[in-house]
Each structure stands twice: as C-alpha cells, then as structure tokens.
Amino acid sequence: MIRCAECKGKGLCGLPRCPIVSRFHAQAAALAKPSASYQGSSPSVFIGSFGYPDVRGGPLMVDDSDNPPDWLKRSLGMDEIVGIRARTLRGSSALTSVAGDLQEIALSSVPLDVDVSFERPVSFSLTFDGTMAPVGMIGSVKTMDVIGSARVERVVDRITSDTDLPATEACVALTNESVDVYQVSKLMTAGLLGKRRRFVPTRWAITAVDDTVSTNLKKEIARNAPIEEILLFSAEVFGNRIACILVPGDWRYEMVEVWGAHTLWGGEEEMIVQDREGMKKQGYSPITGAYYSARLAVCEYLDRIRRCARVIVVRSVSNEYWAPLGTWVIREATRKAMAAPPLAFPTLDAAVAHTVSVIGSDSWVRHSTLIPELRTQRTLGQFFS
C-alpha cells in the first residue's frame, strides 16, 4: 500500500488530487495574482519532468533570491516563505525557444531581469513533490527577453565551458570551489554540465547533485581515521527535528524518518520510513530526496573534520510543518545540527536514550537496523585488545 510519507504528493495513490496538497492549495491560492505579463526579477529556472525527454521549462519569476539559506538568514517564517512561493511564477515553454535565455539566468550569480508575455493570463497551479520548493503560478510563455547580462563567477565559467568534463566531475569540482549545491543544481537543470548536455528536470537535478557530491565525499571520508567518541548533534527547522548520532567506525549511514499522526504526511497514524547504506547505495531511497540531503550535510561535516563515522540520522516531523517546502529544509536543518556543539556519550545506548528525548518518541528505534548491528558488532580494535 502506498503511504503518504513515501509518496509526498506525487499522486501514487491514484486520487485526482492529493488531499494534503488541497490543504496547502487553499492557503496559498489566495496569495496568487494572475497577470498576462511579467517584468521583473528571475533568480532561477524550472524544468518539468512530464513527458521526459520532451519536457518544457521556463524562468522562475519573483522578487526574491530563490535561495533557501538566504531565507533562513533573514529569519523568515513558514508563512512568509509560503507567501514568496505562492507569488512565484513559473514560465512554461518548449525549450528550443528559450534555451539560451534560461542558461544565461542559470549562469548568473545575481538575479537577472526578464520581460515575459504569456499566451493567456497565468493561473494558480501548485507544483511540488516534497523535493522542490512549491511554485504558485504557471504561465505559457509567448515571448521572453532577458534584460542585462549575466554576472558569472570565474570558476563557474571555467567549469561550464569545459565540455570534456563529465557531469559528475563537474559537480564535484564546483563544490570543491565552494559553489553551493543550490547553484550547482541550477546549472545542472539548465543543461550546463557534462559532455552530453541536456536540460534535466529540476526535481531530478536537486537529488542528483546531493547524491553525486555526497557520494564523492564518502570516498574521501572512508580514507580518514574514525572519530574517537560517540557524538550526538541536533537541531530543528520549521518543525523538522533532526538528530544525528555519530559512532566511531567505517562509513555506514542510516536515516529514519518519522511523521507523527496528523502531520503533513502522517495521516491518522504515525508513519516511519527507514533506509541505509554502506559504501554503495542500492536503489533509490524510499525516503526520497530527504535521504540524500541529510547525507550531504553529514558528509560535509565529516570531510571538514577529516574523520569517518557510522551515522544514524533521525528526522521527526511535527504538525508545525504544515506546508511541503522541499528537501532544502532537511539539508539546512542537518547542516544546522552539524554546526552546533555535539554531546558526547560513553555508550551507544546512552546516545540513543538521549536521542529519544530529543525526538520525543522511541518508536523509531525498533525501525533501525544499524543500532542492533552496532550493539553486537566488534571493531578490529576491540578484537585485538
């Protein structure tokens, strides 16, 4: 049976409209202001996935940076972010007619102004799937002009100009030069990376970049010595409580996602989804994009301190998280956790007990397969001691 916590609004249940989407739709629709044209800022681009590879796309148009870390830095609340996304306008066009303009927008480190007319007045059309930030309006592009020239960072220009560099290596090279994954995802979705260049649906690009960058970091982390003690990191963003247990040892990663009853994807009963990996990941995670976003944040931390660890990430979602804002929330919540001073524990059981108090429930513990393994498995150091 398809569960809401795994579907996250993608329509896998077969209903004509997700009832959870309807709750958000009703609150956001009132903020939308239809128009037959747009003159103003375009901070990003959007490529749809319907009918792939024959997809449509266009500029994202809003008087905002379209940058989640900036939203958090400005201390915006959920209502304010929903307001921004409700008035965000997504252009839709055959890519052959707008490809160059979209790539110029994606390359620019600052939002470009655009002048767009639509075939008919734009309509409210909520677009989200749990990975992307929602978009409130959509309009079929009739004409589009980019005003001004892109301001392109030197490293971005160098790597996007290298058509012999595979997309995976380009993603890694960009992040190694301190280009954040939000910019890298924008470049990937606009078809500016790799040898065989093509536009990539935005939803796919977000998870692909998280996965690609963290997979490369895993290889670097595996070469490092293990951490020396059991550590617990925690933080919360918009009702998303994150707890990360780091245990000395070689790389392993597990995530347990808990949706409480009557939360966004929880339904009448609590929903729990779990997944894990070693050095290689088999298949796409049932937790979907959140799995890779949290993994990226943990890998960034371990790479920064030049250590390796076995990792258990627990995400608990309360009903404070009333609108699906995208996997950036999990990425930034986990980054926030890993930036805070950790608590150290003498035993795994002590760390798990404290995590239960942080999460507010122990129901997730029985879903973990890594915890019982860590309790019984001896390390090489213990074997020879």
Protein backbone atom coordinates (compact mmCIF):
# COMPACT_ATOMS: atom_id res chain seq x y z
CA MET A 1 0.00 0.00 0.00
CA ILE A 2 1.33 3.44 -0.94
CA ARG A 3 1.84 5.61 2.14
CA CYS A 4 1.76 9.40 2.20
CA ALA A 5 5.21 9.54 3.81
CA GLU A 6 6.69 7.78 0.76
CA CYS A 7 4.51 9.42 -1.92
CA LYS A 8 4.83 13.03 -0.70
CA GLY A 9 2.23 14.37 -3.11
CA LYS A 10 3.41 12.69 -6.32
CA GLY A 11 -0.03 11.12 -6.88
CA LEU A 12 0.99 7.49 -6.44
CA CYS A 13 -2.32 6.74 -4.67
CA GLY A 14 -4.27 7.43 -7.86
CA LEU A 15 -6.56 10.09 -6.38
CA PRO A 16 -7.30 13.03 -8.72
CA ARG A 17 -5.85 15.44 -6.17
CA CYS A 18 -3.80 14.75 -3.06
CA PRO A 19 -5.96 15.80 -0.07
CA ILE A 20 -2.84 17.10 1.67
CA VAL A 21 -1.99 19.25 -1.34
CA SER A 22 -5.51 20.64 -1.13
CA ARG A 23 -4.84 21.99 2.38
CA PHE A 24 -1.81 23.90 1.13
CA HIS A 25 -3.55 24.87 -2.10
CA ALA A 26 -6.37 26.58 -0.23
CA GLN A 27 -3.99 28.68 1.87
CA ALA A 28 -1.64 29.65 -0.95
CA ALA A 29 -4.14 30.29 -3.75
CA ALA A 30 -5.39 33.45 -2.07
CA LEU A 31 -1.91 34.99 -2.40
CA ALA A 32 -1.61 34.48 -6.16
CA LYS A 33 -2.18 37.44 -8.51
CA PRO A 34 -2.81 36.36 -12.13
CA SER A 35 -1.35 38.52 -14.90
CA ALA A 36 -0.78 38.36 -18.68
CA SER A 37 2.80 39.63 -18.46
CA TYR A 38 5.75 39.91 -16.12
CA GLN A 39 8.56 42.44 -15.91
CA GLY A 40 10.99 41.90 -13.09
CA SER A 41 13.50 39.58 -11.46
CA SER A 42 14.16 35.98 -12.47
CA PRO A 43 16.51 34.35 -9.95
CA SER A 44 16.30 30.80 -11.29
CA VAL A 45 14.84 28.38 -13.82
CA PHE A 46 12.48 25.43 -13.70
CA ILE A 47 12.41 22.34 -15.92
CA GLY A 48 9.46 19.96 -15.62
CA SER A 49 9.67 16.17 -15.78
CA PHE A 50 6.36 15.36 -17.53
CA GLY A 51 6.94 13.66 -20.87
CA TYR A 52 10.70 13.35 -20.42
CA PRO A 53 12.85 13.76 -22.51
CA ASP A 54 10.42 16.05 -24.35
CA VAL A 55 9.99 18.43 -21.41
CA ARG A 56 9.01 22.06 -21.00
CA GLY A 57 10.61 24.73 -18.88
CA GLY A 58 10.98 28.40 -18.23
CA PRO A 59 12.18 31.06 -15.84
CA LEU A 60 11.14 31.29 -12.21
CA MET A 61 9.96 34.85 -11.66
CA VAL A 62 9.69 36.51 -8.26
CA ASP A 63 11.13 39.50 -6.42
CA ASP A 64 13.23 37.23 -4.21
CA SER A 65 16.59 35.46 -4.25
CA ASP A 66 15.08 31.94 -4.50
CA ASN A 67 17.83 30.89 -2.11
CA PRO A 68 16.82 28.87 0.99
CA PRO A 69 19.91 29.71 3.10
CA ASP A 70 19.07 33.37 2.49
CA TRP A 71 15.50 32.78 3.75
CA LEU A 72 16.86 31.30 6.97
CA LYS A 73 19.44 34.05 7.33
CA ARG A 74 16.59 36.56 7.11
CA SER A 75 14.71 34.59 9.80
CA LEU A 76 11.66 34.16 7.56
CA GLY A 77 8.83 32.06 8.98
CA MET A 78 6.91 29.40 7.10
CA ASP A 79 4.04 31.78 6.35
CA GLU A 80 6.46 34.23 4.76
CA ILE A 81 8.18 31.55 2.67
CA VAL A 82 4.82 30.18 1.53
CA GLY A 83 3.90 33.74 0.55
CA ILE A 84 7.07 34.05 -1.54
CA ARG A 85 6.44 30.72 -3.26
CA ALA A 86 2.74 31.41 -3.82
CA ARG A 87 3.57 34.52 -5.83
CA THR A 88 6.43 32.81 -7.66
CA LEU A 89 5.58 32.44 -11.33
CA ARG A 90 6.87 29.54 -13.41
CA GLY A 91 7.14 30.07 -17.15
CA SER A 92 6.43 27.11 -19.42
CA SER A 93 7.68 26.82 -22.98
CA ALA A 94 9.21 24.43 -25.46
CA LEU A 95 12.91 24.53 -24.59
CA THR A 96 14.04 25.19 -28.15
CA SER A 97 12.69 28.74 -27.98
CA VAL A 98 14.07 29.75 -24.56
CA ALA A 99 17.17 27.56 -24.05
CA GLY A 100 19.74 30.33 -24.33
CA ASP A 101 17.83 32.69 -22.04
CA LEU A 102 17.38 30.01 -19.38
CA GLN A 103 21.07 29.13 -19.44
CA GLU A 104 22.01 32.79 -19.05
CA ILE A 105 19.75 33.06 -15.98
CA ALA A 106 21.23 29.87 -14.51
CA LEU A 107 24.80 31.04 -15.04
CA SER A 108 24.32 34.39 -13.36
CA SER A 109 25.34 34.78 -9.71
CA VAL A 110 22.74 37.57 -9.35
CA PRO A 111 19.09 37.51 -10.49
CA LEU A 112 18.52 38.85 -14.00
CA ASP A 113 15.53 40.92 -15.05
CA VAL A 114 13.20 39.47 -17.68
CA ASP A 115 10.30 40.76 -19.77
CA VAL A 116 7.82 37.95 -20.41
CA SER A 117 4.40 37.93 -22.03
CA PHE A 118 2.08 34.95 -21.73
CA GLU A 119 -0.31 33.34 -24.18
CA ARG A 120 -3.08 33.84 -21.63
CA PRO A 121 -3.27 35.18 -18.05
CA VAL A 122 -1.28 32.99 -15.67
CA SER A 123 -3.19 30.60 -13.45
CA PHE A 124 -2.66 29.26 -9.95
CA SER A 125 -1.12 25.81 -10.36
CA LEU A 126 0.64 24.41 -7.33
CA THR A 127 3.80 22.50 -8.22
CA PHE A 128 5.62 20.47 -5.58
CA ASP A 129 6.53 16.91 -4.74
CA GLY A 130 8.42 17.06 -1.47
CA THR A 131 11.76 17.64 -3.21
CA MET A 132 11.27 21.07 -4.77
CA ALA A 133 10.07 24.23 -3.11
CA PRO A 134 6.44 24.76 -4.22
CA VAL A 135 5.60 27.18 -7.02
CA GLY A 136 2.29 29.01 -7.01
CA MET A 137 1.60 30.10 -10.60
CA ILE A 138 2.32 28.92 -14.12
CA GLY A 139 2.08 30.70 -17.44
CA SER A 140 2.64 29.57 -21.02
CA VAL A 141 5.38 31.82 -22.41
CA LYS A 142 4.60 33.74 -25.61
CA THR A 143 7.70 35.96 -25.73
CA MET A 144 10.68 36.32 -23.42
CA ASP A 145 13.55 38.78 -23.25
CA VAL A 146 16.42 38.82 -20.75
CA ILE A 147 17.39 42.32 -19.74
CA GLY A 148 21.05 42.87 -18.95
CA SER A 149 23.95 40.41 -18.90
CA ALA A 150 24.75 37.55 -16.59
CA ARG A 151 27.38 38.05 -13.91
CA VAL A 152 29.26 34.74 -14.00
CA GLU A 153 31.80 33.66 -11.37
CA ARG A 154 35.16 32.71 -12.82
CA VAL A 155 35.06 29.12 -11.54
CA VAL A 156 31.53 28.64 -12.90
CA ASP A 157 32.57 29.99 -16.29
CA ARG A 158 35.61 27.72 -16.38
CA ILE A 159 33.81 24.50 -15.46
CA THR A 160 30.68 25.08 -17.54
CA SER A 161 32.89 25.89 -20.54
CA ASP A 162 34.66 22.53 -20.26
CA THR A 163 32.58 20.23 -22.47
CA ASP A 164 35.02 17.34 -21.95
CA LEU A 165 34.35 17.22 -18.21
CA PRO A 166 31.73 14.62 -17.15
CA ALA A 167 28.76 15.98 -15.19
CA THR A 168 29.74 14.07 -12.04
CA GLU A 169 33.23 15.53 -12.04
CA ALA A 170 31.84 18.99 -12.80
CA CYS A 171 29.54 18.84 -9.76
CA VAL A 172 32.43 17.81 -7.53
CA ALA A 173 34.77 20.44 -8.99
CA LEU A 174 32.21 23.20 -8.39
CA THR A 175 31.55 22.26 -4.76
CA ASN A 176 35.29 21.91 -4.16
CA GLU A 177 35.49 25.56 -5.21
CA SER A 178 32.83 26.49 -2.61
CA VAL A 179 29.96 26.75 -5.09
CA ASP A 180 26.95 25.60 -3.06
CA VAL A 181 24.67 22.80 -4.22
CA TYR A 182 21.83 25.25 -4.90
CA GLN A 183 23.86 26.90 -7.66
CA VAL A 184 25.16 23.55 -8.93
CA SER A 185 21.59 22.19 -9.18
CA LYS A 186 20.60 25.27 -11.18
CA LEU A 187 23.48 24.69 -13.61
CA MET A 188 22.61 21.01 -13.98
CA THR A 189 18.91 21.61 -14.62
CA ALA A 190 19.82 24.18 -17.29
CA GLY A 191 21.96 21.64 -19.15
CA LEU A 192 25.27 23.38 -18.48
CA LEU A 193 27.26 20.45 -17.10
CA GLY A 194 28.69 17.29 -18.65
CA LYS A 195 29.78 16.01 -22.04
CA ARG A 196 26.32 15.24 -23.45
CA ARG A 197 24.43 18.31 -22.35
CA ARG A 198 20.70 18.33 -21.94
CA PHE A 199 18.14 20.01 -19.73
CA VAL A 200 17.39 18.00 -16.59
CA PRO A 201 14.07 18.16 -14.70
CA THR A 202 14.61 20.36 -11.65
CA ARG A 203 13.34 17.70 -9.24
CA TRP A 204 15.88 15.20 -10.57
CA ALA A 205 18.73 17.71 -10.58
CA ILE A 206 18.29 18.59 -6.90
CA THR A 207 18.60 14.98 -5.71
CA ALA A 208 21.25 14.11 -8.32
CA VAL A 209 23.54 16.87 -7.06
CA ASP A 210 23.03 15.92 -3.40
CA ASP A 211 23.75 12.30 -4.28
CA THR A 212 26.73 13.00 -6.54
CA VAL A 213 28.50 15.36 -4.15
CA SER A 214 27.94 13.24 -1.03
CA THR A 215 28.97 10.04 -2.85
CA ASN A 216 32.29 11.68 -3.71
CA LEU A 217 32.67 12.90 -0.12
CA LYS A 218 32.05 9.35 1.15
CA LYS A 219 35.11 8.17 -0.77
CA GLU A 220 37.23 10.88 0.84
CA ILE A 221 35.77 10.22 4.30
CA ALA A 222 36.50 6.48 4.05
CA ARG A 223 40.22 7.26 3.92
CA ASN A 224 40.12 9.10 7.24
CA ALA A 225 40.52 7.80 10.80
CA PRO A 226 37.27 7.22 12.73
CA ILE A 227 36.00 9.76 15.23
CA GLU A 228 37.12 8.97 18.77
CA GLU A 229 33.82 9.09 20.67
CA ILE A 230 30.08 8.77 20.20
CA LEU A 231 28.59 12.15 19.35
CA LEU A 232 25.03 13.47 19.08
CA PHE A 233 24.10 16.55 17.05
CA SER A 234 20.60 18.01 16.91
CA ALA A 235 18.65 20.97 15.53
CA GLU A 236 15.18 21.96 14.37
CA VAL A 237 13.86 23.96 11.42
CA PHE A 238 10.12 24.53 10.88
CA GLY A 239 9.02 21.54 12.95
CA ASN A 240 11.64 19.26 11.37
CA ARG A 241 13.69 17.93 14.28
CA ILE A 242 16.98 16.34 13.26
CA ALA A 243 19.18 14.16 15.46
CA CYS A 244 22.48 12.75 14.15
CA ILE A 245 24.31 10.02 16.07
CA LEU A 246 27.93 9.54 15.01
CA VAL A 247 29.66 6.35 16.14
CA PRO A 248 33.36 5.51 15.66
CA GLY A 249 33.90 3.14 12.73
CA ASP A 250 33.97 2.84 8.97
CA TRP A 251 31.33 4.65 6.88
CA ARG A 252 27.76 3.49 7.24
CA TYR A 253 24.67 5.62 7.03
CA GLU A 254 21.09 5.14 8.11
CA MET A 255 18.14 7.51 8.11
CA VAL A 256 14.84 7.03 9.93
CA GLU A 257 12.05 9.46 9.07
CA VAL A 258 9.14 9.83 11.50
CA TRP A 259 5.90 11.56 10.53
CA GLY A 260 3.69 11.97 13.57
CA ALA A 261 -0.06 11.33 13.44
CA HIS A 262 -1.98 14.21 11.81
CA THR A 263 1.21 15.77 10.45
CA LEU A 264 1.65 16.73 6.79
CA TRP A 265 2.26 13.19 5.50
CA GLY A 266 1.41 11.28 8.68
CA GLY A 267 -2.31 10.61 8.26
CA GLU A 268 -4.28 9.14 11.13
CA GLU A 269 -1.32 7.14 12.39
CA GLU A 270 2.39 7.74 12.78
CA MET A 271 4.38 6.86 9.66
CA ILE A 272 8.02 5.73 9.79
CA VAL A 273 10.30 5.15 6.80
CA GLN A 274 13.85 3.79 7.06
CA ASP A 275 16.78 3.23 4.70
CA ARG A 276 20.52 2.63 4.99
CA GLU A 277 23.73 2.02 3.08
CA GLY A 278 27.40 1.15 3.27
CA MET A 279 29.95 2.48 0.81
CA LYS A 280 27.49 1.76 -2.01
CA LYS A 281 23.79 2.62 -2.15
CA GLN A 282 21.45 0.07 -3.70
CA GLY A 283 18.48 1.62 -5.48
CA TYR A 284 16.63 4.88 -4.86
CA SER A 285 15.73 5.56 -1.23
CA PRO A 286 12.07 5.21 -0.15
CA ILE A 287 12.70 8.34 1.95
CA THR A 288 13.24 10.07 -1.41
CA GLY A 289 15.25 13.31 -1.65
CA ALA A 290 15.44 13.94 2.11
CA TYR A 291 17.73 10.91 2.48
CA TYR A 292 20.37 12.40 0.17
CA SER A 293 20.02 15.95 1.50
CA ALA A 294 20.69 14.84 5.08
CA ARG A 295 23.53 12.58 3.94
CA LEU A 296 25.18 15.50 2.16
CA ALA A 297 25.14 17.66 5.29
CA VAL A 298 26.69 14.90 7.42
CA CYS A 299 29.33 14.17 4.79
CA GLU A 300 30.23 17.87 4.60
CA TYR A 301 30.87 17.84 8.36
CA LEU A 302 32.95 14.65 8.37
CA ASP A 303 35.00 15.87 5.42
CA ARG A 304 35.55 19.17 7.21
CA ILE A 305 36.94 17.49 10.35
CA ARG A 306 38.80 14.80 8.34
CA ARG A 307 37.16 11.90 10.17
CA CYS A 308 34.99 8.87 9.38
CA ALA A 309 31.95 7.56 11.27
CA ARG A 310 28.89 5.36 11.29
CA VAL A 311 25.89 7.65 11.13
CA ILE A 312 22.27 7.42 12.22
CA VAL A 313 20.06 10.37 11.24
CA VAL A 314 16.58 10.64 12.71
CA ARG A 315 14.13 13.16 11.29
CA SER A 316 10.96 13.75 13.27
CA VAL A 317 8.28 15.98 11.74
CA SER A 318 5.64 17.73 13.84
CA ASN A 319 2.41 19.37 12.70
CA GLU A 320 4.24 22.71 12.85
CA TYR A 321 5.49 21.75 9.37
CA TRP A 322 2.17 22.44 7.65
CA ALA A 323 3.37 23.01 4.08
CA PRO A 324 5.82 20.97 1.95
CA LEU A 325 8.73 23.33 1.34
CA GLY A 326 11.19 20.89 -0.26
CA THR A 327 14.24 18.89 0.75
CA TRP A 328 16.23 22.07 1.34
CA VAL A 329 14.58 22.14 4.78
CA ILE A 330 16.19 18.79 5.69
CA ARG A 331 19.53 19.82 4.18
CA GLU A 332 19.64 23.07 6.14
CA ALA A 333 18.29 21.52 9.36
CA THR A 334 21.01 18.87 9.21
CA ARG A 335 23.66 21.48 8.39
CA LYS A 336 22.42 23.47 11.38
CA ALA A 337 22.70 20.38 13.58
CA MET A 338 26.23 19.59 12.40
CA ALA A 339 27.30 23.20 13.02
CA ALA A 340 26.20 23.08 16.68
CA PRO A 341 28.40 21.74 19.51
CA PRO A 342 27.73 18.00 19.91
CA LEU A 343 27.06 15.99 23.06
CA ALA A 344 29.45 13.09 23.79
CA PHE A 345 28.32 9.75 25.24
CA PRO A 346 30.19 6.78 26.68
CA THR A 347 27.91 4.19 25.03
CA LEU A 348 25.62 3.87 22.05
CA ASP A 349 22.66 3.09 24.32
CA ALA A 350 23.21 6.34 26.20
CA ALA A 351 23.26 8.27 22.91
CA VAL A 352 20.10 6.50 21.71
CA ALA A 353 18.34 7.25 25.01
CA HIS A 354 19.17 10.93 24.71
CA THR A 355 18.07 10.94 21.06
CA VAL A 356 14.71 9.53 22.18
CA SER A 357 14.31 12.54 24.48
CA VAL A 358 15.31 14.93 21.68
CA ILE A 359 12.91 13.36 19.18
CA GLY A 360 10.16 12.95 21.77
CA SER A 361 9.44 9.31 20.91
CA ASP A 362 11.15 5.91 20.97
CA SER A 363 9.05 4.35 18.18
CA TRP A 364 11.80 4.98 15.62
CA VAL A 365 14.34 2.84 17.50
CA ARG A 366 12.79 -0.51 16.53
CA HIS A 367 12.88 0.51 12.85
CA SER A 368 16.65 0.99 12.91
CA THR A 369 18.72 -1.92 11.62
CA LEU A 370 22.05 -0.21 12.24
CA ILE A 371 21.57 0.21 16.02
CA PRO A 372 21.29 -3.55 16.78
CA GLU A 373 24.19 -4.20 14.42
CA LEU A 374 26.37 -1.66 16.23
CA ARG A 375 25.42 -3.14 19.60
CA THR A 376 26.68 -6.60 18.64
CA GLN A 377 29.47 -6.00 16.14
CA ARG A 378 33.02 -5.74 17.42
CA THR A 379 35.57 -3.45 15.75
CA LEU A 380 39.08 -4.63 14.81
CA GLY A 381 40.44 -2.62 17.72
CA GLN A 382 38.18 -4.46 20.17
CA PHE A 383 39.06 -7.81 18.61
CA PHE A 384 42.79 -7.38 19.19
CA SER A 385 42.55 -5.67 22.59
